[in-house]
PDB file of all heavy atoms in Angstrom:
ATOM      1  N   ASP A   1      -8.202  -2.386   8.400  1.00  0.00           N
ATOM      2  CA  ASP A   1      -8.774  -3.080   9.592  1.00  0.00           C
ATOM      3  C   ASP A   1      -9.267  -2.103  10.635  1.00  0.00           C
ATOM      4  O   ASP A   1      -9.728  -2.571  11.655  1.00  0.00           O
ATOM      5  CB  ASP A   1      -7.729  -4.020  10.188  1.00  0.00           C
ATOM      6  CG  ASP A   1      -7.463  -5.284   9.400  1.00  0.00           C
ATOM      7  OD1 ASP A   1      -8.402  -5.758   8.743  1.00  0.00           O
ATOM      8  OD2 ASP A   1      -6.318  -5.768   9.439  1.00  0.00           O
ATOM      9  N   PHE A   2      -9.183  -0.795  10.369  1.00  0.00           N
ATOM     10  CA  PHE A   2      -9.581   0.147  11.392  1.00  0.00           C
ATOM     11  C   PHE A   2     -11.053   0.027  11.836  1.00  0.00           C
ATOM     12  O   PHE A   2     -11.299  -0.011  13.050  1.00  0.00           O
ATOM     13  CB  PHE A   2      -9.329   1.614  10.928  1.00  0.00           C
ATOM     14  CG  PHE A   2      -9.820   2.640  11.855  1.00  0.00           C
ATOM     15  CD1 PHE A   2      -9.215   2.842  13.118  1.00  0.00           C
ATOM     16  CD2 PHE A   2     -10.962   3.374  11.550  1.00  0.00           C
ATOM     17  CE1 PHE A   2      -9.735   3.760  14.046  1.00  0.00           C
ATOM     18  CE2 PHE A   2     -11.441   4.317  12.442  1.00  0.00           C
ATOM     19  CZ  PHE A   2     -10.840   4.500  13.676  1.00  0.00           C
ATOM     20  N   PRO A   3     -11.970  -0.095  10.941  1.00  0.00           N
ATOM     21  CA  PRO A   3     -13.378  -0.204  11.407  1.00  0.00           C
ATOM     22  C   PRO A   3     -13.587  -1.399  12.300  1.00  0.00           C
ATOM     23  O   PRO A   3     -14.307  -1.295  13.368  1.00  0.00           O
ATOM     24  CB  PRO A   3     -14.203  -0.355  10.131  1.00  0.00           C
ATOM     25  CG  PRO A   3     -13.376   0.353   9.074  1.00  0.00           C
ATOM     26  CD  PRO A   3     -11.978   0.014   9.470  1.00  0.00           C
ATOM     27  N   ALA A   4     -12.956  -2.508  12.009  1.00  0.00           N
ATOM     28  CA  ALA A   4     -13.084  -3.715  12.814  1.00  0.00           C
ATOM     29  C   ALA A   4     -12.494  -3.554  14.177  1.00  0.00           C
ATOM     30  O   ALA A   4     -13.060  -3.932  15.202  1.00  0.00           O
ATOM     31  CB  ALA A   4     -12.532  -4.928  12.069  1.00  0.00           C
ATOM     32  N   ILE A   5     -11.261  -3.008  14.237  1.00  0.00           N
ATOM     33  CA  ILE A   5     -10.566  -2.858  15.541  1.00  0.00           C
ATOM     34  C   ILE A   5     -11.240  -1.763  16.342  1.00  0.00           C
ATOM     35  O   ILE A   5     -11.327  -1.893  17.588  1.00  0.00           O
ATOM     36  CB  ILE A   5      -9.045  -2.578  15.321  1.00  0.00           C
ATOM     37  CG1 ILE A   5      -8.282  -2.908  16.701  1.00  0.00           C
ATOM     38  CG2 ILE A   5      -8.778  -1.150  14.905  1.00  0.00           C
ATOM     39  CD1 ILE A   5      -8.343  -4.325  17.091  1.00  0.00           C
ATOM     40  N   ASN A   6     -11.749  -0.757  15.731  1.00  0.00           N
ATOM     41  CA  ASN A   6     -12.382   0.327  16.449  1.00  0.00           C
ATOM     42  C   ASN A   6     -13.630  -0.236  17.105  1.00  0.00           C
ATOM     43  O   ASN A   6     -13.917   0.088  18.286  1.00  0.00           O
ATOM     44  CB  ASN A   6     -12.754   1.464  15.491  1.00  0.00           C
ATOM     45  CG  ASN A   6     -13.000   2.758  16.254  1.00  0.00           C
ATOM     46  OD1 ASN A   6     -12.345   3.112  17.211  1.00  0.00           O
ATOM     47  ND2 ASN A   6     -14.065   3.485  15.789  1.00  0.00           N
ATOM     48  N   SER A   7     -14.409  -1.048  16.384  1.00  0.00           N
ATOM     49  CA  SER A   7     -15.639  -1.691  16.975  1.00  0.00           C
ATOM     50  C   SER A   7     -15.233  -2.634  18.113  1.00  0.00           C
ATOM     51  O   SER A   7     -15.883  -2.621  19.188  1.00  0.00           O
ATOM     52  CB  SER A   7     -16.335  -2.477  15.928  1.00  0.00           C
ATOM     53  OG  SER A   7     -17.412  -3.152  16.426  1.00  0.00           O
ATOM     54  N   PHE A   8     -14.128  -3.374  17.956  1.00  0.00           N
ATOM     55  CA  PHE A   8     -13.698  -4.308  19.020  1.00  0.00           C
ATOM     56  C   PHE A   8     -13.303  -3.518  20.259  1.00  0.00           C
ATOM     57  O   PHE A   8     -13.682  -3.894  21.384  1.00  0.00           O
ATOM     58  CB  PHE A   8     -12.468  -5.087  18.518  1.00  0.00           C
ATOM     59  CG  PHE A   8     -11.866  -5.979  19.572  1.00  0.00           C
ATOM     60  CD1 PHE A   8     -12.299  -7.287  19.707  1.00  0.00           C
ATOM     61  CD2 PHE A   8     -10.834  -5.503  20.385  1.00  0.00           C
ATOM     62  CE1 PHE A   8     -11.693  -8.076  20.703  1.00  0.00           C
ATOM     63  CE2 PHE A   8     -10.268  -6.294  21.379  1.00  0.00           C
ATOM     64  CZ  PHE A   8     -10.700  -7.582  21.541  1.00  0.00           C
ATOM     65  N   LEU A   9     -12.570  -2.420  20.140  1.00  0.00           N
ATOM     66  CA  LEU A   9     -12.132  -1.624  21.291  1.00  0.00           C
ATOM     67  C   LEU A   9     -13.330  -1.014  22.033  1.00  0.00           C
ATOM     68  O   LEU A   9     -13.418  -1.018  23.234  1.00  0.00           O
ATOM     69  CB  LEU A   9     -11.153  -0.531  20.812  1.00  0.00           C
ATOM     70  CG  LEU A   9      -9.837  -1.026  20.270  1.00  0.00           C
ATOM     71  CD1 LEU A   9      -9.097   0.069  19.599  1.00  0.00           C
ATOM     72  CD2 LEU A   9      -8.954  -1.609  21.384  1.00  0.00           C
ATOM     73  N   ARG A  10     -14.310  -0.541  21.276  1.00  0.00           N
ATOM     74  CA  ARG A  10     -15.492   0.007  21.896  1.00  0.00           C
ATOM     75  C   ARG A  10     -16.295  -1.060  22.663  1.00  0.00           C
ATOM     76  O   ARG A  10     -16.904  -0.759  23.745  1.00  0.00           O
ATOM     77  CB  ARG A  10     -16.367   0.649  20.831  1.00  0.00           C
ATOM     78  CG  ARG A  10     -15.797   1.909  20.270  1.00  0.00           C
ATOM     79  CD  ARG A  10     -16.685   2.496  19.157  1.00  0.00           C
ATOM     80  NE  ARG A  10     -16.160   3.773  18.687  1.00  0.00           N
ATOM     81  CZ  ARG A  10     -16.683   4.464  17.621  1.00  0.00           C
ATOM     82  NH1 ARG A  10     -17.686   3.943  16.939  1.00  0.00           N
ATOM     83  NH2 ARG A  10     -16.135   5.615  17.308  1.00  0.00           N
ATOM     84  N   ASP A  11     -16.280  -2.259  22.198  1.00  0.00           N
ATOM     85  CA  ASP A  11     -16.992  -3.351  22.849  1.00  0.00           C
ATOM     86  C   ASP A  11     -16.228  -3.924  24.077  1.00  0.00           C
ATOM     87  O   ASP A  11     -16.848  -4.411  24.984  1.00  0.00           O
ATOM     88  CB  ASP A  11     -17.271  -4.445  21.878  1.00  0.00           C
ATOM     89  CG  ASP A  11     -18.311  -4.109  20.837  1.00  0.00           C
ATOM     90  OD1 ASP A  11     -19.046  -3.102  21.010  1.00  0.00           O
ATOM     91  OD2 ASP A  11     -18.329  -4.788  19.727  1.00  0.00           O
ATOM     92  N   HIS A  12     -14.918  -3.861  24.037  1.00  0.00           N
ATOM     93  CA  HIS A  12     -14.169  -4.611  25.044  1.00  0.00           C
ATOM     94  C   HIS A  12     -13.389  -3.759  26.036  1.00  0.00           C
ATOM     95  O   HIS A  12     -12.948  -4.239  27.088  1.00  0.00           O
ATOM     96  CB  HIS A  12     -13.211  -5.597  24.379  1.00  0.00           C
ATOM     97  CG  HIS A  12     -13.855  -6.701  23.621  1.00  0.00           C
ATOM     98  ND1 HIS A  12     -14.363  -6.595  22.335  1.00  0.00           N
ATOM     99  CD2 HIS A  12     -14.229  -7.956  24.026  1.00  0.00           C
ATOM    100  CE1 HIS A  12     -14.888  -7.716  21.961  1.00  0.00           C
ATOM    101  NE2 HIS A  12     -14.881  -8.531  22.971  1.00  0.00           N
ATOM    102  N   LEU A  13     -13.074  -2.511  25.671  1.00  0.00           N
ATOM    103  CA  LEU A  13     -12.386  -1.665  26.632  1.00  0.00           C
ATOM    104  C   LEU A  13     -13.331  -1.151  27.698  1.00  0.00           C
ATOM    105  O   LEU A  13     -14.460  -0.691  27.361  1.00  0.00           O
ATOM    106  CB  LEU A  13     -11.711  -0.468  25.931  1.00  0.00           C
ATOM    107  CG  LEU A  13     -10.253  -0.616  25.453  1.00  0.00           C
ATOM    108  CD1 LEU A  13      -9.816   0.677  24.782  1.00  0.00           C
ATOM    109  CD2 LEU A  13      -9.330  -0.977  26.593  1.00  0.00           C
ATOM    110  N   PRO A  14     -12.964  -1.137  28.937  1.00  0.00           N
ATOM    111  CA  PRO A  14     -13.817  -0.513  29.996  1.00  0.00           C
ATOM    112  C   PRO A  14     -14.074   0.978  29.679  1.00  0.00           C
ATOM    113  O   PRO A  14     -13.236   1.639  29.092  1.00  0.00           O
ATOM    114  CB  PRO A  14     -12.940  -0.634  31.276  1.00  0.00           C
ATOM    115  CG  PRO A  14     -12.056  -1.831  30.957  1.00  0.00           C
ATOM    116  CD  PRO A  14     -11.719  -1.693  29.545  1.00  0.00           C
ATOM    117  N   ALA A  15     -15.224   1.457  30.091  1.00  0.00           N
ATOM    118  CA  ALA A  15     -15.538   2.838  29.879  1.00  0.00           C
ATOM    119  C   ALA A  15     -14.472   3.794  30.500  1.00  0.00           C
ATOM    120  O   ALA A  15     -14.014   3.515  31.605  1.00  0.00           O
ATOM    121  CB  ALA A  15     -16.917   3.118  30.489  1.00  0.00           C
ATOM    122  N   GLY A  16     -14.170   4.807  29.758  1.00  0.00           N
ATOM    123  CA  GLY A  16     -13.205   5.813  30.279  1.00  0.00           C
ATOM    124  C   GLY A  16     -11.787   5.538  29.878  1.00  0.00           C
ATOM    125  O   GLY A  16     -10.896   6.417  30.111  1.00  0.00           O
ATOM    126  N   VAL A  17     -11.460   4.399  29.339  1.00  0.00           N
ATOM    127  CA  VAL A  17     -10.054   4.106  28.920  1.00  0.00           C
ATOM    128  C   VAL A  17      -9.852   4.726  27.524  1.00  0.00           C
ATOM    129  O   VAL A  17     -10.566   4.412  26.595  1.00  0.00           O
ATOM    130  CB  VAL A  17      -9.825   2.607  28.905  1.00  0.00           C
ATOM    131  CG1 VAL A  17      -8.373   2.363  28.371  1.00  0.00           C
ATOM    132  CG2 VAL A  17      -9.942   2.007  30.284  1.00  0.00           C
ATOM    133  N   SER A  18      -8.870   5.581  27.418  1.00  0.00           N
ATOM    134  CA  SER A  18      -8.584   6.242  26.144  1.00  0.00           C
ATOM    135  C   SER A  18      -7.764   5.333  25.291  1.00  0.00           C
ATOM    136  O   SER A  18      -6.998   4.506  25.782  1.00  0.00           O
ATOM    137  CB  SER A  18      -7.740   7.507  26.383  1.00  0.00           C
ATOM    138  OG  SER A  18      -8.484   8.465  27.170  1.00  0.00           O
ATOM    139  N   TYR A  19      -7.970   5.489  24.000  1.00  0.00           N
ATOM    140  CA  TYR A  19      -7.156   4.686  23.046  1.00  0.00           C
ATOM    141  C   TYR A  19      -6.939   5.472  21.761  1.00  0.00           C
ATOM    142  O   TYR A  19      -7.650   6.429  21.470  1.00  0.00           O
ATOM    143  CB  TYR A  19      -7.825   3.342  22.721  1.00  0.00           C
ATOM    144  CG  TYR A  19      -9.103   3.436  21.931  1.00  0.00           C
ATOM    145  CD1 TYR A  19      -9.129   3.419  20.544  1.00  0.00           C
ATOM    146  CD2 TYR A  19     -10.315   3.452  22.605  1.00  0.00           C
ATOM    147  CE1 TYR A  19     -10.292   3.448  19.821  1.00  0.00           C
ATOM    148  CE2 TYR A  19     -11.530   3.491  21.882  1.00  0.00           C
ATOM    149  CZ  TYR A  19     -11.464   3.493  20.464  1.00  0.00           C
ATOM    150  OH  TYR A  19     -12.648   3.532  19.767  1.00  0.00           O
ATOM    151  N   ILE A  20      -5.832   5.105  21.083  1.00  0.00           N
ATOM    152  CA  ILE A  20      -5.514   5.718  19.831  1.00  0.00           C
ATOM    153  C   ILE A  20      -5.089   4.579  18.865  1.00  0.00           C
ATOM    154  O   ILE A  20      -4.456   3.649  19.317  1.00  0.00           O
ATOM    155  CB  ILE A  20      -4.449   6.790  19.991  1.00  0.00           C
ATOM    156  CG1 ILE A  20      -4.160   7.572  18.719  1.00  0.00           C
ATOM    157  CG2 ILE A  20      -3.146   6.183  20.520  1.00  0.00           C
ATOM    158  CD1 ILE A  20      -3.243   8.757  18.909  1.00  0.00           C
ATOM    159  N   VAL A  21      -5.480   4.614  17.644  1.00  0.00           N
ATOM    160  CA  VAL A  21      -5.166   3.603  16.662  1.00  0.00           C
ATOM    161  C   VAL A  21      -4.389   4.221  15.507  1.00  0.00           C
ATOM    162  O   VAL A  21      -4.841   5.168  14.875  1.00  0.00           O
ATOM    163  CB  VAL A  21      -6.414   2.901  16.113  1.00  0.00           C
ATOM    164  CG1 VAL A  21      -6.050   1.763  15.168  1.00  0.00           C
ATOM    165  CG2 VAL A  21      -7.367   2.489  17.190  1.00  0.00           C
ATOM    166  N   VAL A  22      -3.234   3.644  15.231  1.00  0.00           N
ATOM    167  CA  VAL A  22      -2.319   4.169  14.176  1.00  0.00           C
ATOM    168  C   VAL A  22      -1.867   3.036  13.324  1.00  0.00           C
ATOM    169  O   VAL A  22      -1.899   1.819  13.681  1.00  0.00           O
ATOM    170  CB  VAL A  22      -1.106   4.910  14.768  1.00  0.00           C
ATOM    171  CG1 VAL A  22      -1.588   6.166  15.548  1.00  0.00           C
ATOM    172  CG2 VAL A  22      -0.241   4.042  15.615  1.00  0.00           C
ATOM    173  N   ARG A  23      -1.338   3.376  12.141  1.00  0.00           N
ATOM    174  CA  ARG A  23      -0.741   2.384  11.254  1.00  0.00           C
ATOM    175  C   ARG A  23       0.734   2.196  11.706  1.00  0.00           C
ATOM    176  O   ARG A  23       1.501   3.107  11.672  1.00  0.00           O
ATOM    177  CB  ARG A  23      -0.754   2.874   9.780  1.00  0.00           C
ATOM    178  CG  ARG A  23      -0.521   1.786   8.738  1.00  0.00           C
ATOM    179  CD  ARG A  23       0.946   1.389   8.538  1.00  0.00           C
ATOM    180  NE  ARG A  23       1.116   0.371   7.582  1.00  0.00           N
ATOM    181  CZ  ARG A  23       1.297   0.582   6.273  1.00  0.00           C
ATOM    182  NH1 ARG A  23       1.255   1.797   5.779  1.00  0.00           N
ATOM    183  NH2 ARG A  23       1.466  -0.436   5.464  1.00  0.00           N
ATOM    184  N   GLY A  24       1.038   0.986  12.132  1.00  0.00           N
ATOM    185  CA  GLY A  24       2.401   0.657  12.518  1.00  0.00           C
ATOM    186  C   GLY A  24       2.595  -0.845  12.254  1.00  0.00           C
ATOM    187  O   GLY A  24       2.029  -1.690  12.905  1.00  0.00           O
ATOM    188  N   LYS A  25       3.451  -1.086  11.253  1.00  0.00           N
ATOM    189  CA  LYS A  25       3.744  -2.502  10.983  1.00  0.00           C
ATOM    190  C   LYS A  25       4.438  -3.176  12.163  1.00  0.00           C
ATOM    191  O   LYS A  25       5.229  -2.470  12.902  1.00  0.00           O
ATOM    192  CB  LYS A  25       4.581  -2.616   9.702  1.00  0.00           C
ATOM    193  CG  LYS A  25       3.861  -2.335   8.422  1.00  0.00           C
ATOM    194  CD  LYS A  25       4.635  -2.703   7.211  1.00  0.00           C
ATOM    195  CE  LYS A  25       3.798  -2.554   5.950  1.00  0.00           C
ATOM    196  NZ  LYS A  25       4.510  -2.976   4.710  1.00  0.00           N
ATOM    197  N   ILE A  26       4.189  -4.443  12.340  1.00  0.00           N
ATOM    198  CA  ILE A  26       4.632  -5.135  13.548  1.00  0.00           C
ATOM    199  C   ILE A  26       5.748  -6.107  13.190  1.00  0.00           C
ATOM    200  O   ILE A  26       5.951  -6.515  12.022  1.00  0.00           O
ATOM    201  CB  ILE A  26       3.396  -5.897  14.124  1.00  0.00           C
ATOM    202  CG1 ILE A  26       2.259  -4.889  14.349  1.00  0.00           C
ATOM    203  CG2 ILE A  26       3.707  -6.590  15.461  1.00  0.00           C
ATOM    204  CD1 ILE A  26       0.898  -5.502  14.464  1.00  0.00           C
ATOM    205  N   CYS A  27       6.546  -6.463  14.183  1.00  0.00           N
ATOM    206  CA  CYS A  27       7.810  -7.177  13.939  1.00  0.00           C
ATOM    207  C   CYS A  27       7.662  -8.539  13.265  1.00  0.00           C
ATOM    208  O   CYS A  27       8.569  -9.055  12.640  1.00  0.00           O
ATOM    209  CB  CYS A  27       8.625  -7.264  15.194  1.00  0.00           C
ATOM    210  SG  CYS A  27       7.873  -8.180  16.547  1.00  0.00           S
ATOM    211  N   ARG A  28       6.505  -9.184  13.477  1.00  0.00           N
ATOM    212  CA  ARG A  28       6.226 -10.463  12.783  1.00  0.00           C
ATOM    213  C   ARG A  28       5.133 -10.186  11.699  1.00  0.00           C
ATOM    214  O   ARG A  28       4.075  -9.602  12.046  1.00  0.00           O
ATOM    215  CB  ARG A  28       5.767 -11.568  13.684  1.00  0.00           C
ATOM    216  CG  ARG A  28       6.870 -12.026  14.687  1.00  0.00           C
ATOM    217  CD  ARG A  28       6.403 -13.314  15.323  1.00  0.00           C
ATOM    218  NE  ARG A  28       7.155 -13.592  16.557  1.00  0.00           N
ATOM    219  CZ  ARG A  28       6.957 -14.692  17.294  1.00  0.00           C
ATOM    220  NH1 ARG A  28       6.080 -15.582  16.924  1.00  0.00           N
ATOM    221  NH2 ARG A  28       7.651 -14.867  18.425  1.00  0.00           N
ATOM    222  N   LYS A  29       5.328 -10.634  10.536  1.00  0.00           N
ATOM    223  CA  LYS A  29       4.372 -10.362   9.474  1.00  0.00           C
ATOM    224  C   LYS A  29       3.038 -10.995   9.759  1.00  0.00           C
ATOM    225  O   LYS A  29       2.023 -10.502   9.215  1.00  0.00           O
ATOM    226  CB  LYS A  29       4.941 -10.884   8.143  1.00  0.00           C
ATOM    227  CG  LYS A  29       6.207 -10.148   7.682  1.00  0.00           C
ATOM    228  CD  LYS A  29       6.789 -10.741   6.423  1.00  0.00           C
ATOM    229  CE  LYS A  29       8.119 -10.073   6.040  1.00  0.00           C
ATOM    230  NZ  LYS A  29       8.658 -10.683   4.864  1.00  0.00           N
ATOM    231  N   ALA A  30       2.958 -12.047  10.509  1.00  0.00           N
ATOM    232  CA  ALA A  30       1.710 -12.728  10.837  1.00  0.00           C
ATOM    233  C   ALA A  30       0.867 -11.906  11.806  1.00  0.00           C
ATOM    234  O   ALA A  30      -0.360 -12.208  11.927  1.00  0.00           O
ATOM    235  CB  ALA A  30       1.916 -14.141  11.367  1.00  0.00           C
ATOM    236  N   TRP A  31       1.452 -10.989  12.492  1.00  0.00           N
ATOM    237  CA  TRP A  31       0.713 -10.195  13.468  1.00  0.00           C
ATOM    238  C   TRP A  31      -0.014  -9.004  12.784  1.00  0.00           C
ATOM    239  O   TRP A  31       0.605  -8.281  12.093  1.00  0.00           O
ATOM    240  CB  TRP A  31       1.597  -9.680  14.589  1.00  0.00           C
ATOM    241  CG  TRP A  31       1.832 -10.668  15.655  1.00  0.00           C
ATOM    242  CD1 TRP A  31       0.968 -11.593  16.150  1.00  0.00           C
ATOM    243  CD2 TRP A  31       3.011 -10.779  16.493  1.00  0.00           C
ATOM    244  NE1 TRP A  31       1.542 -12.290  17.176  1.00  0.00           N
ATOM    245  CE2 TRP A  31       2.782 -11.821  17.402  1.00  0.00           C
ATOM    246  CE3 TRP A  31       4.224 -10.076  16.550  1.00  0.00           C
ATOM    247  CZ2 TRP A  31       3.725 -12.180  18.305  1.00  0.00           C
ATOM    248  CZ3 TRP A  31       5.171 -10.434  17.454  1.00  0.00           C
ATOM    249  CH2 TRP A  31       4.915 -11.512  18.348  1.00  0.00           C
ATOM    250  N   LEU A  32      -1.300  -8.960  12.989  1.00  0.00           N
ATOM    251  CA  LEU A  32      -2.117  -7.867  12.403  1.00  0.00           C
ATOM    252  C   LEU A  32      -2.276  -6.694  13.352  1.00  0.00           C
ATOM    253  O   LEU A  32      -2.596  -5.591  12.913  1.00  0.00           O
ATOM    254  CB  LEU A  32      -3.514  -8.417  12.045  1.00  0.00           C
ATOM    255  CG  LEU A  32      -3.510  -9.665  11.146  1.00  0.00           C
ATOM    256  CD1 LEU A  32      -4.952 -10.140  10.934  1.00  0.00           C
ATOM    257  CD2 LEU A  32      -2.855  -9.384   9.803  1.00  0.00           C
TER     258      LEU A  32
END
């Protein structure tokens, strides 16, 4: 899902806000 979330972050995060995307499973299986 990295390409999709990376595109989302670029479109929705204000300019200048840093972000990092890593693989980390989440406590509920339904959460992506």
